[in-house]
Protein backbone atom coordinates (compact mmCIF):
# COMPACT_ATOMS: atom_id res chain seq x y z
CA MET A 1 -34.68 30.67 -63.86
CA SER A 2 -31.12 30.79 -65.13
CA SER A 3 -28.27 29.35 -63.14
CA PHE A 4 -26.73 32.82 -62.69
CA VAL A 5 -29.87 34.16 -61.01
CA SER A 6 -30.10 31.09 -58.80
CA VAL A 7 -26.46 31.55 -57.70
CA VAL A 8 -27.10 35.22 -56.92
CA LEU A 9 -30.20 34.32 -54.90
CA LEU A 10 -28.30 31.60 -53.05
CA VAL A 11 -25.49 34.03 -52.16
CA LEU A 12 -28.02 36.62 -50.95
CA LEU A 13 -29.87 34.01 -48.90
CA LEU A 14 -26.66 32.75 -47.27
CA THR A 15 -25.56 36.33 -46.58
CA LEU A 16 -28.85 37.07 -44.84
CA ILE A 17 -28.65 33.86 -42.82
CA GLY A 18 -25.07 34.64 -41.78
CA SER A 19 -25.93 38.22 -40.83
CA GLY A 20 -28.91 37.02 -38.82
CA ALA A 21 -26.79 34.46 -36.99
CA LEU A 22 -24.17 37.10 -36.17
CA LEU A 23 -26.84 39.49 -34.90
CA PHE A 24 -28.44 36.74 -32.81
CA VAL A 25 -25.14 35.71 -31.20
CA THR A 26 -24.18 39.33 -30.51
CA LEU A 27 -27.50 40.16 -28.88
CA LYS A 28 -27.52 36.93 -26.87
CA TYR A 29 -23.96 37.57 -25.64
CA TYR A 30 -24.52 41.17 -24.58
CA TRP A 31 -28.13 41.11 -23.38
CA GLY A 32 -28.86 37.42 -22.91
CA GLU A 33 -27.95 35.15 -20.03
CA ARG A 34 -25.38 37.59 -18.61
CA GLY A 35 -28.26 39.94 -17.96
CA LYS A 36 -26.58 43.28 -18.62
CA PRO A 37 -24.96 45.28 -21.41
CA PRO A 38 -21.21 46.03 -21.45
CA ALA A 39 -19.78 48.07 -18.57
CA THR A 40 -19.87 51.84 -18.87
CA GLY A 41 -18.15 54.80 -17.23
CA GLU A 42 -17.67 54.37 -13.49
CA GLU A 43 -17.98 50.59 -13.55
CA ARG A 44 -15.28 50.33 -16.22
CA ARG A 45 -12.98 52.63 -14.18
CA ARG A 46 -13.55 50.51 -11.07
CA GLN A 47 -12.72 47.31 -12.99
CA HIS A 48 -9.57 48.95 -14.38
CA GLU A 49 -8.43 49.99 -10.88
CA GLU A 50 -9.00 46.46 -9.56
CA GLU A 51 -6.98 45.10 -12.48
CA LEU A 52 -4.10 47.49 -11.74
CA LYS A 53 -4.11 46.48 -8.05
CA LEU A 54 -4.03 42.80 -9.03
CA ARG A 55 -1.15 43.41 -11.45
CA ALA A 56 0.78 45.30 -8.75
CA ARG A 57 0.31 42.37 -6.35
CA GLN A 58 1.46 39.92 -9.04
CA ILE A 59 4.58 42.00 -9.77
CA GLU A 60 5.36 42.31 -6.05
CA HIS A 61 4.97 38.55 -5.63
CA ALA A 62 7.23 37.90 -8.63
CA LEU A 63 9.91 40.21 -7.22
CA GLN A 64 9.77 38.52 -3.81
CA ASN A 65 9.77 35.00 -5.29
CA PRO A 66 12.02 34.97 -8.37
CA PRO A 67 12.09 31.77 -10.44
CA ARG A 68 14.93 29.40 -9.63
CA PRO A 69 17.46 29.02 -12.45
CA ARG A 70 18.17 25.73 -14.17
CA ASP A 71 21.46 23.89 -13.94
CA PRO A 72 23.70 24.96 -16.84
CA SER A 73 24.23 21.30 -17.74
CA PHE A 74 22.07 20.50 -20.77
CA TRP A 75 21.21 16.97 -19.65
CA ASN A 76 20.32 17.86 -16.04
CA ASN A 77 16.76 19.19 -16.27
CA ARG A 78 16.17 19.65 -12.53
CA LYS A 79 16.02 23.05 -10.88
CA VAL A 80 18.97 24.22 -8.78
CA ARG A 81 18.24 24.39 -5.05
């Protein structure tokens, strides 16, 4: 067998191994220990609404509790009270 053919076979073998590993990891992630496929339709909408409520609470908290500014002096690294 020539070296060119052996290189081509090696590349094909490594490609198949890599594709198999990717397929295995993908299937294990989506249908493995988590136990269910990705969210669909109504479940995704519900998750999105919960996310929006959480973001609204975070924004409200940030507006009620703004960060304290630093002292303009470069060497004083403590927060102003």
